[in-house]
Full PDB file with SEQRES, HELIX, SHEET, SSBOND, CRYST1, ORIGX, SCALE, CONECT and MASTER records, all heavy atoms in Angstrom:
SEQRES   1 A   36  LEU THR GLU ALA SER THR LEU ILE ARG GLY ASP LEU GLY          
SEQRES   2 A   36  SER VAL VAL THR LEU HIS ILE TYR ARG PRO TYR THR LYS          
SEQRES   3 A   36  GLU LYS ILE THR PHE ASP LEU THR ARG ALA                      
HELIX    1 AA1 THR A    2  ILE A    8  1                                   7    
SHEET    1 AA1 2 VAL A  15  ARG A  22  0                                        
SHEET    2 AA1 2 GLU A  27  THR A  34 -1                                        
CRYST1    1.000    1.000    1.000  90.00  90.00  90.00 P 1           1          
ORIGX1      1.000000  0.000000  0.000000        0.00000                         
ORIGX2      0.000000  1.000000  0.000000        0.00000                         
ORIGX3      0.000000  0.000000  1.000000        0.00000                         
SCALE1      1.000000  0.000000  0.000000        0.00000                         
SCALE2      0.000000  1.000000  0.000000        0.00000                         
SCALE3      0.000000  0.000000  1.000000        0.00000                         
ATOM      1  N   LEU A   1      11.532 -10.695  61.758  1.00  0.00           N  
ATOM      2  CA  LEU A   1      11.246  -9.560  62.647  1.00  0.00           C  
ATOM      3  C   LEU A   1      12.322  -9.436  63.722  1.00  0.00           C  
ATOM      4  O   LEU A   1      12.744  -8.330  64.065  1.00  0.00           O  
ATOM      5  CB  LEU A   1       9.887  -9.725  63.323  1.00  0.00           C  
ATOM      6  CG  LEU A   1       8.675  -9.346  62.476  1.00  0.00           C  
ATOM      7  CD1 LEU A   1       7.389  -9.607  63.238  1.00  0.00           C  
ATOM      8  CD2 LEU A   1       8.747  -7.896  62.053  1.00  0.00           C  
ATOM      9  N   THR A   2      12.785 -10.566  64.243  1.00  0.00           N  
ATOM     10  CA  THR A   2      13.821 -10.552  65.283  1.00  0.00           C  
ATOM     11  C   THR A   2      15.118  -9.958  64.741  1.00  0.00           C  
ATOM     12  O   THR A   2      15.758  -9.127  65.400  1.00  0.00           O  
ATOM     13  CB  THR A   2      14.074 -11.988  65.804  1.00  0.00           C  
ATOM     14  OG1 THR A   2      12.821 -12.541  66.191  1.00  0.00           O  
ATOM     15  CG2 THR A   2      15.012 -11.989  66.993  1.00  0.00           C  
ATOM     16  N   GLU A   3      15.502 -10.364  63.541  1.00  0.00           N  
ATOM     17  CA  GLU A   3      16.733  -9.835  62.930  1.00  0.00           C  
ATOM     18  C   GLU A   3      16.616  -8.328  62.689  1.00  0.00           C  
ATOM     19  O   GLU A   3      17.551  -7.574  62.966  1.00  0.00           O  
ATOM     20  CB  GLU A   3      17.029 -10.553  61.608  1.00  0.00           C  
ATOM     21  CG  GLU A   3      17.433 -12.006  61.783  1.00  0.00           C  
ATOM     22  CD  GLU A   3      17.420 -12.802  60.478  1.00  0.00           C  
ATOM     23  OE1 GLU A   3      16.642 -12.456  59.555  1.00  0.00           O  
ATOM     24  OE2 GLU A   3      18.168 -13.786  60.398  1.00  0.00           O  
ATOM     25  N   ALA A   4      15.451  -7.891  62.205  1.00  0.00           N  
ATOM     26  CA  ALA A   4      15.235  -6.458  61.948  1.00  0.00           C  
ATOM     27  C   ALA A   4      15.281  -5.671  63.258  1.00  0.00           C  
ATOM     28  O   ALA A   4      15.927  -4.623  63.334  1.00  0.00           O  
ATOM     29  CB  ALA A   4      13.895  -6.246  61.244  1.00  0.00           C  
ATOM     30  N   SER A   5      14.614  -6.199  64.308  1.00  0.00           N  
ATOM     31  CA  SER A   5      14.612  -5.516  65.606  1.00  0.00           C  
ATOM     32  C   SER A   5      16.027  -5.382  66.155  1.00  0.00           C  
ATOM     33  O   SER A   5      16.393  -4.350  66.708  1.00  0.00           O  
ATOM     34  CB  SER A   5      13.767  -6.289  66.620  1.00  0.00           C  
ATOM     35  OG  SER A   5      12.418  -6.223  66.259  1.00  0.00           O  
ATOM     36  N   THR A   6      16.832  -6.428  65.995  1.00  0.00           N  
ATOM     37  CA  THR A   6      18.220  -6.403  66.470  1.00  0.00           C  
ATOM     38  C   THR A   6      19.011  -5.310  65.761  1.00  0.00           C  
ATOM     39  O   THR A   6      19.833  -4.631  66.378  1.00  0.00           O  
ATOM     40  CB  THR A   6      18.875  -7.791  66.249  1.00  0.00           C  
ATOM     41  OG1 THR A   6      18.084  -8.770  66.923  1.00  0.00           O  
ATOM     42  CG2 THR A   6      20.276  -7.826  66.813  1.00  0.00           C  
ATOM     43  N   LEU A   7      18.752  -5.132  64.464  1.00  0.00           N  
ATOM     44  CA  LEU A   7      19.455  -4.084  63.711  1.00  0.00           C  
ATOM     45  C   LEU A   7      19.002  -2.681  64.122  1.00  0.00           C  
ATOM     46  O   LEU A   7      19.798  -1.740  64.132  1.00  0.00           O  
ATOM     47  CB  LEU A   7      19.234  -4.265  62.204  1.00  0.00           C  
ATOM     48  CG  LEU A   7      19.921  -5.456  61.543  1.00  0.00           C  
ATOM     49  CD1 LEU A   7      19.451  -5.594  60.096  1.00  0.00           C  
ATOM     50  CD2 LEU A   7      21.433  -5.308  61.605  1.00  0.00           C  
ATOM     51  N   ILE A   8      17.714  -2.537  64.444  1.00  0.00           N  
ATOM     52  CA  ILE A   8      17.172  -1.217  64.795  1.00  0.00           C  
ATOM     53  C   ILE A   8      17.621  -0.802  66.195  1.00  0.00           C  
ATOM     54  O   ILE A   8      17.954   0.346  66.432  1.00  0.00           O  
ATOM     55  CB  ILE A   8      15.628  -1.212  64.670  1.00  0.00           C  
ATOM     56  CG1 ILE A   8      15.235  -1.358  63.195  1.00  0.00           C  
ATOM     57  CG2 ILE A   8      15.044   0.082  65.239  1.00  0.00           C  
ATOM     58  CD1 ILE A   8      13.753  -1.601  62.952  1.00  0.00           C  
ATOM     59  N   ARG A   9      17.656  -1.768  67.117  1.00  0.00           N  
ATOM     60  CA  ARG A   9      18.107  -1.459  68.481  1.00  0.00           C  
ATOM     61  C   ARG A   9      19.609  -1.334  68.514  1.00  0.00           C  
ATOM     62  O   ARG A   9      20.313  -1.931  67.713  1.00  0.00           O  
ATOM     63  CB  ARG A   9      17.684  -2.569  69.444  1.00  0.00           C  
ATOM     64  CG  ARG A   9      16.219  -2.543  69.750  1.00  0.00           C  
ATOM     65  CD  ARG A   9      15.899  -3.433  70.941  1.00  0.00           C  
ATOM     66  NE  ARG A   9      14.488  -3.751  70.928  1.00  0.00           N  
ATOM     67  CZ  ARG A   9      13.986  -4.940  70.616  1.00  0.00           C  
ATOM     68  NH1 ARG A   9      14.787  -5.939  70.341  1.00  0.00           N  
ATOM     69  NH2 ARG A   9      12.683  -5.129  70.609  1.00  0.00           N  
ATOM     70  N   GLY A  10      20.097  -0.592  69.510  1.00  0.00           N  
ATOM     71  CA  GLY A  10      21.546  -0.446  69.657  1.00  0.00           C  
ATOM     72  C   GLY A  10      21.863   0.412  70.855  1.00  0.00           C  
ATOM     73  O   GLY A  10      21.005   0.672  71.698  1.00  0.00           O  
ATOM     74  N   ASP A  11      23.095   0.850  70.930  1.00  0.00           N  
ATOM     75  CA  ASP A  11      23.533   1.652  72.071  1.00  0.00           C  
ATOM     76  C   ASP A  11      22.739   2.954  72.155  1.00  0.00           C  
ATOM     77  O   ASP A  11      22.483   3.597  71.128  1.00  0.00           O  
ATOM     78  CB  ASP A  11      25.027   1.972  71.967  1.00  0.00           C  
ATOM     79  CG  ASP A  11      25.883   0.714  72.119  1.00  0.00           C  
ATOM     80  OD1 ASP A  11      25.444  -0.219  72.823  1.00  0.00           O  
ATOM     81  OD2 ASP A  11      26.979   0.676  71.530  1.00  0.00           O  
ATOM     82  N   LEU A  12      22.369   3.322  73.392  1.00  0.00           N  
ATOM     83  CA  LEU A  12      21.659   4.588  73.620  1.00  0.00           C  
ATOM     84  C   LEU A  12      22.463   5.738  73.032  1.00  0.00           C  
ATOM     85  O   LEU A  12      23.675   5.794  73.194  1.00  0.00           O  
ATOM     86  CB  LEU A  12      21.494   4.835  75.126  1.00  0.00           C  
ATOM     87  CG  LEU A  12      20.303   4.214  75.823  1.00  0.00           C  
ATOM     88  CD1 LEU A  12      20.322   4.591  77.305  1.00  0.00           C  
ATOM     89  CD2 LEU A  12      18.999   4.637  75.199  1.00  0.00           C  
ATOM     90  N   GLY A  13      21.798   6.644  72.333  1.00  0.00           N  
ATOM     91  CA  GLY A  13      22.470   7.818  71.785  1.00  0.00           C  
ATOM     92  C   GLY A  13      23.094   7.588  70.426  1.00  0.00           C  
ATOM     93  O   GLY A  13      23.470   8.541  69.750  1.00  0.00           O  
ATOM     94  N   SER A  14      23.219   6.329  69.986  1.00  0.00           N  
ATOM     95  CA  SER A  14      23.775   6.071  68.651  1.00  0.00           C  
ATOM     96  C   SER A  14      22.676   6.290  67.616  1.00  0.00           C  
ATOM     97  O   SER A  14      21.494   6.350  67.940  1.00  0.00           O  
ATOM     98  CB  SER A  14      24.356   4.659  68.567  1.00  0.00           C  
ATOM     99  OG  SER A  14      23.333   3.694  68.728  1.00  0.00           O  
ATOM    100  N   VAL A  15      23.078   6.394  66.349  1.00  0.00           N  
ATOM    101  CA  VAL A  15      22.128   6.720  65.288  1.00  0.00           C  
ATOM    102  C   VAL A  15      21.907   5.501  64.397  1.00  0.00           C  
ATOM    103  O   VAL A  15      22.842   4.784  64.065  1.00  0.00           O  
ATOM    104  CB  VAL A  15      22.641   7.915  64.449  1.00  0.00           C  
ATOM    105  CG1 VAL A  15      21.777   8.146  63.213  1.00  0.00           C  
ATOM    106  CG2 VAL A  15      22.679   9.173  65.300  1.00  0.00           C  
ATOM    107  N   VAL A  16      20.648   5.266  64.038  1.00  0.00           N  
ATOM    108  CA  VAL A  16      20.308   4.241  63.055  1.00  0.00           C  
ATOM    109  C   VAL A  16      19.594   4.944  61.901  1.00  0.00           C  
ATOM    110  O   VAL A  16      18.812   5.870  62.112  1.00  0.00           O  
ATOM    111  CB  VAL A  16      19.421   3.110  63.656  1.00  0.00           C  
ATOM    112  CG1 VAL A  16      18.106   3.647  64.179  1.00  0.00           C  
ATOM    113  CG2 VAL A  16      19.187   1.991  62.649  1.00  0.00           C  
ATOM    114  N   THR A  17      19.916   4.517  60.676  1.00  0.00           N  
ATOM    115  CA  THR A  17      19.289   5.116  59.499  1.00  0.00           C  
ATOM    116  C   THR A  17      18.264   4.146  58.933  1.00  0.00           C  
ATOM    117  O   THR A  17      18.597   3.018  58.576  1.00  0.00           O  
ATOM    118  CB  THR A  17      20.347   5.458  58.431  1.00  0.00           C  
ATOM    119  OG1 THR A  17      21.308   6.340  59.018  1.00  0.00           O  
ATOM    120  CG2 THR A  17      19.710   6.150  57.236  1.00  0.00           C  
ATOM    121  N   LEU A  18      17.009   4.587  58.910  1.00  0.00           N  
ATOM    122  CA  LEU A  18      15.937   3.783  58.317  1.00  0.00           C  
ATOM    123  C   LEU A  18      15.594   4.356  56.947  1.00  0.00           C  
ATOM    124  O   LEU A  18      15.310   5.543  56.816  1.00  0.00           O  
ATOM    125  CB  LEU A  18      14.687   3.784  59.205  1.00  0.00           C  
ATOM    126  CG  LEU A  18      14.813   3.184  60.604  1.00  0.00           C  
ATOM    127  CD1 LEU A  18      13.451   3.174  61.289  1.00  0.00           C  
ATOM    128  CD2 LEU A  18      15.410   1.806  60.575  1.00  0.00           C  
ATOM    129  N   HIS A  19      15.651   3.489  55.946  1.00  0.00           N  
ATOM    130  CA  HIS A  19      15.285   3.885  54.578  1.00  0.00           C  
ATOM    131  C   HIS A  19      13.863   3.385  54.363  1.00  0.00           C  
ATOM    132  O   HIS A  19      13.589   2.192  54.464  1.00  0.00           O  
ATOM    133  CB  HIS A  19      16.252   3.257  53.568  1.00  0.00           C  
ATOM    134  CG  HIS A  19      17.675   3.631  53.811  1.00  0.00           C  
ATOM    135  ND1 HIS A  19      18.272   4.704  53.200  1.00  0.00           N  
ATOM    136  CD2 HIS A  19      18.608   3.082  54.630  1.00  0.00           C  
ATOM    137  CE1 HIS A  19      19.530   4.800  53.620  1.00  0.00           C  
ATOM    138  NE2 HIS A  19      19.759   3.833  54.489  1.00  0.00           N  
ATOM    139  N   ILE A  20      12.973   4.320  54.092  1.00  0.00           N  
ATOM    140  CA  ILE A  20      11.542   4.019  54.087  1.00  0.00           C  
ATOM    141  C   ILE A  20      10.928   4.321  52.731  1.00  0.00           C  
ATOM    142  O   ILE A  20      11.250   5.330  52.094  1.00  0.00           O  
ATOM    143  CB  ILE A  20      10.855   4.831  55.206  1.00  0.00           C  
ATOM    144  CG1 ILE A  20      11.155   4.136  56.528  1.00  0.00           C  
ATOM    145  CG2 ILE A  20       9.370   4.980  54.979  1.00  0.00           C  
ATOM    146  CD1 ILE A  20      10.554   4.774  57.720  1.00  0.00           C  
ATOM    147  N   TYR A  21      10.029   3.446  52.311  1.00  0.00           N  
ATOM    148  CA  TYR A  21       9.177   3.703  51.153  1.00  0.00           C  
ATOM    149  C   TYR A  21       7.784   3.958  51.693  1.00  0.00           C  
ATOM    150  O   TYR A  21       7.236   3.156  52.438  1.00  0.00           O  
ATOM    151  CB  TYR A  21       9.169   2.502  50.200  1.00  0.00           C  
ATOM    152  CG  TYR A  21       8.181   2.662  49.068  1.00  0.00           C  
ATOM    153  CD1 TYR A  21       8.422   3.569  48.041  1.00  0.00           C  
ATOM    154  CD2 TYR A  21       6.991   1.927  49.038  1.00  0.00           C  
ATOM    155  CE1 TYR A  21       7.507   3.746  47.013  1.00  0.00           C  
ATOM    156  CE2 TYR A  21       6.078   2.092  48.019  1.00  0.00           C  
ATOM    157  CZ  TYR A  21       6.340   3.005  47.013  1.00  0.00           C  
ATOM    158  OH  TYR A  21       5.425   3.185  45.997  1.00  0.00           O  
ATOM    159  N   ARG A  22       7.236   5.123  51.353  1.00  0.00           N  
ATOM    160  CA  ARG A  22       5.897   5.500  51.819  1.00  0.00           C  
ATOM    161  C   ARG A  22       4.919   5.243  50.671  1.00  0.00           C  
ATOM    162  O   ARG A  22       4.862   6.016  49.709  1.00  0.00           O  
ATOM    163  CB  ARG A  22       5.904   6.966  52.238  1.00  0.00           C  
ATOM    164  CG  ARG A  22       4.640   7.403  52.934  1.00  0.00           C  
ATOM    165  CD  ARG A  22       4.848   8.695  53.699  1.00  0.00           C  
ATOM    166  NE  ARG A  22       5.550   8.436  54.947  1.00  0.00           N  
ATOM    167  CZ  ARG A  22       6.131   9.379  55.672  1.00  0.00           C  
ATOM    168  NH1 ARG A  22       6.085  10.641  55.290  1.00  0.00           N  
ATOM    169  NH2 ARG A  22       6.741   9.060  56.798  1.00  0.00           N  
ATOM    170  N   PRO A  23       4.119   4.147  50.769  1.00  0.00           N  
ATOM    171  CA  PRO A  23       3.281   3.719  49.641  1.00  0.00           C  
ATOM    172  C   PRO A  23       2.286   4.766  49.138  1.00  0.00           C  
ATOM    173  O   PRO A  23       2.101   4.912  47.938  1.00  0.00           O  
ATOM    174  CB  PRO A  23       2.519   2.506  50.187  1.00  0.00           C  
ATOM    175  CG  PRO A  23       3.212   2.103  51.424  1.00  0.00           C  
ATOM    176  CD  PRO A  23       3.977   3.266  51.925  1.00  0.00           C  
ATOM    177  N   TYR A  24       1.644   5.507  50.049  1.00  0.00           N  
ATOM    178  CA  TYR A  24       0.577   6.411  49.590  1.00  0.00           C  
ATOM    179  C   TYR A  24       1.099   7.671  48.929  1.00  0.00           C  
ATOM    180  O   TYR A  24       0.358   8.356  48.242  1.00  0.00           O  
ATOM    181  CB  TYR A  24      -0.424   6.736  50.709  1.00  0.00           C  
ATOM    182  CG  TYR A  24       0.210   7.070  52.042  1.00  0.00           C  
ATOM    183  CD1 TYR A  24       0.482   8.370  52.396  1.00  0.00           C  
ATOM    184  CD2 TYR A  24       0.532   6.053  52.937  1.00  0.00           C  
ATOM    185  CE1 TYR A  24       1.073   8.660  53.618  1.00  0.00           C  
ATOM    186  CE2 TYR A  24       1.122   6.341  54.159  1.00  0.00           C  
ATOM    187  CZ  TYR A  24       1.387   7.654  54.491  1.00  0.00           C  
ATOM    188  OH  TYR A  24       1.978   7.939  55.688  1.00  0.00           O  
ATOM    189  N   THR A  25       2.388   8.011  49.107  1.00  0.00           N  
ATOM    190  CA  THR A  25       2.930   9.157  48.365  1.00  0.00           C  
ATOM    191  C   THR A  25       3.968   8.688  47.349  1.00  0.00           C  
ATOM    192  O   THR A  25       4.520   9.487  46.604  1.00  0.00           O  
ATOM    193  CB  THR A  25       3.587  10.185  49.315  1.00  0.00           C  
ATOM    194  OG1 THR A  25       4.625   9.525  50.037  1.00  0.00           O  
ATOM    195  CG2 THR A  25       2.588  10.798  50.266  1.00  0.00           C  
ATOM    196  N   LYS A  26       4.242   7.362  47.372  1.00  0.00           N  
ATOM    197  CA  LYS A  26       5.214   6.744  46.460  1.00  0.00           C  
ATOM    198  C   LYS A  26       6.594   7.407  46.552  1.00  0.00           C  
ATOM    199  O   LYS A  26       7.280   7.565  45.555  1.00  0.00           O  
ATOM    200  CB  LYS A  26       4.697   6.773  45.019  1.00  0.00           C  
ATOM    201  CG  LYS A  26       3.467   5.894  44.806  1.00  0.00           C  
ATOM    202  CD  LYS A  26       3.036   5.886  43.348  1.00  0.00           C  
ATOM    203  CE  LYS A  26       1.942   4.897  43.053  1.00  0.00           C  
ATOM    204  NZ  LYS A  26       0.768   4.944  43.883  1.00  0.00           N  
ATOM    205  N   GLU A  27       6.989   7.810  47.780  1.00  0.00           N  
ATOM    206  CA  GLU A  27       8.307   8.430  47.921  1.00  0.00           C  
ATOM    207  C   GLU A  27       9.208   7.605  48.823  1.00  0.00           C  
ATOM    208  O   GLU A  27       8.744   6.873  49.695  1.00  0.00           O  
ATOM    209  CB  GLU A  27       8.183   9.868  48.439  1.00  0.00           C  
ATOM    210  CG  GLU A  27       7.507   9.997  49.788  1.00  0.00           C  
ATOM    211  CD  GLU A  27       7.310  11.447  50.227  1.00  0.00           C  
ATOM    212  OE1 GLU A  27       8.165  12.302  49.925  1.00  0.00           O  
ATOM    213  OE2 GLU A  27       6.307  11.699  50.897  1.00  0.00           O  
ATOM    214  N   LYS A  28      10.506   7.724  48.560  1.00  0.00           N  
ATOM    215  CA  LYS A  28      11.505   7.089  49.414  1.00  0.00           C  
ATOM    216  C   LYS A  28      12.100   8.171  50.309  1.00  0.00           C  
ATOM    217  O   LYS A  28      12.489   9.227  49.830  1.00  0.00           O  
ATOM    218  CB  LYS A  28      12.597   6.434  48.569  1.00  0.00           C  
ATOM    219  CG  LYS A  28      12.118   5.181  47.873  1.00  0.00           C  
ATOM    220  CD  LYS A  28      13.248   4.469  47.140  1.00  0.00           C  
ATOM    221  CE  LYS A  28      12.752   3.142  46.599  1.00  0.00           C  
ATOM    222  NZ  LYS A  28      13.829   2.400  45.914  1.00  0.00           N  
ATOM    223  N   ILE A  29      12.141   7.896  51.623  1.00  0.00           N  
ATOM    224  CA  ILE A  29      12.626   8.889  52.588  1.00  0.00           C  
ATOM    225  C   ILE A  29      13.637   8.206  53.489  1.00  0.00           C  
ATOM    226  O   ILE A  29      13.492   7.034  53.838  1.00  0.00           O  
ATOM    227  CB  ILE A  29      11.477   9.432  53.478  1.00  0.00           C  
ATOM    228  CG1 ILE A  29      10.233   9.733  52.642  1.00  0.00           C  
ATOM    229  CG2 ILE A  29      11.906  10.675  54.228  1.00  0.00           C  
ATOM    230  CD1 ILE A  29       8.980   9.913  53.452  1.00  0.00           C  
ATOM    231  N   THR A  30      14.656   8.956  53.887  1.00  0.00           N  
ATOM    232  CA  THR A  30      15.662   8.442  54.811  1.00  0.00           C  
ATOM    233  C   THR A  30      15.517   9.163  56.145  1.00  0.00           C  
ATOM    234  O   THR A  30      15.403  10.386  56.182  1.00  0.00           O  
ATOM    235  CB  THR A  30      17.080   8.681  54.239  1.00  0.00           C  
ATOM    236  OG1 THR A  30      17.157   8.030  52.975  1.00  0.00           O  
ATOM    237  CG2 THR A  30      18.137   8.107  55.148  1.00  0.00           C  
ATOM    238  N   PHE A  31      15.488   8.395  57.223  1.00  0.00           N  
ATOM    239  CA  PHE A  31      15.383   8.957  58.568  1.00  0.00           C  
ATOM    240  C   PHE A  31      16.612   8.554  59.381  1.00  0.00           C  
ATOM    241  O   PHE A  31      16.912   7.360  59.496  1.00  0.00           O  
ATOM    242  CB  PHE A  31      14.136   8.420  59.292  1.00  0.00           C  
ATOM    243  CG  PHE A  31      12.834   8.912  58.726  1.00  0.00           C  
ATOM    244  CD1 PHE A  31      12.159   8.187  57.753  1.00  0.00           C  
ATOM    245  CD2 PHE A  31      12.267  10.100  59.172  1.00  0.00           C  
ATOM    246  CE1 PHE A  31      10.953   8.638  57.241  1.00  0.00           C  
ATOM    247  CE2 PHE A  31      11.057  10.557  58.667  1.00  0.00           C  
ATOM    248  CZ  PHE A  31      10.406   9.823  57.701  1.00  0.00           C  
ATOM    249  N   ASP A  32      17.328   9.534  59.906  1.00  0.00           N  
ATOM    250  CA  ASP A  32      18.420   9.267  60.846  1.00  0.00           C  
ATOM    251  C   ASP A  32      17.850   9.445  62.245  1.00  0.00           C  
ATOM    252  O   ASP A  32      17.520  10.558  62.645  1.00  0.00           O  
ATOM    253  CB  ASP A  32      19.587  10.246  60.622  1.00  0.00           C  
ATOM    254  CG  ASP A  32      20.245  10.035  59.267  1.00  0.00           C  
ATOM    255  OD1 ASP A  32      20.400   8.860  58.869  1.00  0.00           O  
ATOM    256  OD2 ASP A  32      20.600  11.029  58.606  1.00  0.00           O  
ATOM    257  N   LEU A  33      17.723   8.350  62.969  1.00  0.00           N  
ATOM    258  CA  LEU A  33      17.074   8.377  64.280  1.00  0.00           C  
ATOM    259  C   LEU A  33      18.076   8.071  65.378  1.00  0.00           C  
ATOM    260  O   LEU A  33      18.829   7.107  65.286  1.00  0.00           O  
ATOM    261  CB  LEU A  33      15.940   7.348  64.329  1.00  0.00           C  
ATOM    262  CG  LEU A  33      14.857   7.491  63.257  1.00  0.00           C  
ATOM    263  CD1 LEU A  33      13.934   6.294  63.268  1.00  0.00           C  
ATOM    264  CD2 LEU A  33      14.064   8.765  63.469  1.00  0.00           C  
ATOM    265  N   THR A  34      18.070   8.891  66.417  1.00  0.00           N  
ATOM    266  CA  THR A  34      18.937   8.662  67.572  1.00  0.00           C  
ATOM    267  C   THR A  34      18.223   7.723  68.530  1.00  0.00           C  
ATOM    268  O   THR A  34      17.113   8.009  68.977  1.00  0.00           O  
ATOM    269  CB  THR A  34      19.274   9.994  68.269  1.00  0.00           C  
ATOM    270  OG1 THR A  34      19.866  10.865  67.301  1.00  0.00           O  
ATOM    271  CG2 THR A  34      20.240   9.776  69.424  1.00  0.00           C  
ATOM    272  N   ARG A  35      18.867   6.601  68.814  1.00  0.00           N  
ATOM    273  CA  ARG A  35      18.259   5.606  69.707  1.00  0.00           C  
ATOM    274  C   ARG A  35      18.104   6.181  71.102  1.00  0.00           C  
ATOM    275  O   ARG A  35      19.004   6.838  71.621  1.00  0.00           O  
ATOM    276  CB  ARG A  35      19.121   4.349  69.750  1.00  0.00           C  
ATOM    277  CG  ARG A  35      19.173   3.616  68.421  1.00  0.00           C  
ATOM    278  CD  ARG A  35      20.111   2.437  68.509  1.00  0.00           C  
ATOM    279  NE  ARG A  35      20.120   1.652  67.303  1.00  0.00           N  
ATOM    280  CZ  ARG A  35      21.159   1.589  66.464  1.00  0.00           C  
ATOM    281  NH1 ARG A  35      22.256   2.290  66.696  1.00  0.00           N  
ATOM    282  NH2 ARG A  35      21.089   0.824  65.398  1.00  0.00           N  
ATOM    283  N   ALA A  36      16.947   5.923  71.702  1.00  0.00           N  
ATOM    284  CA  ALA A  36      16.634   6.469  73.024  1.00  0.00           C  
ATOM    285  C   ALA A  36      16.061   5.366  73.894  1.00  0.00           C  
ATOM    286  O   ALA A  36      15.706   4.290  73.411  1.00  0.00           O  
ATOM    287  CB  ALA A  36      15.627   7.613  72.888  1.00  0.00           C  
TER     288      ALA A  36                                                      
MASTER        0    0    0    1    2    0    0    6  287    1    0    3          
END                                                                             
């Protein structure tokens, strides 16, 4: 969890891309999130 949190956090305003599998719809979705 610590390693994952370190990867998700970063400089304010920078973008992190989370690749997500949504079990109940069985779809893979990509989210580009701007760190705030």
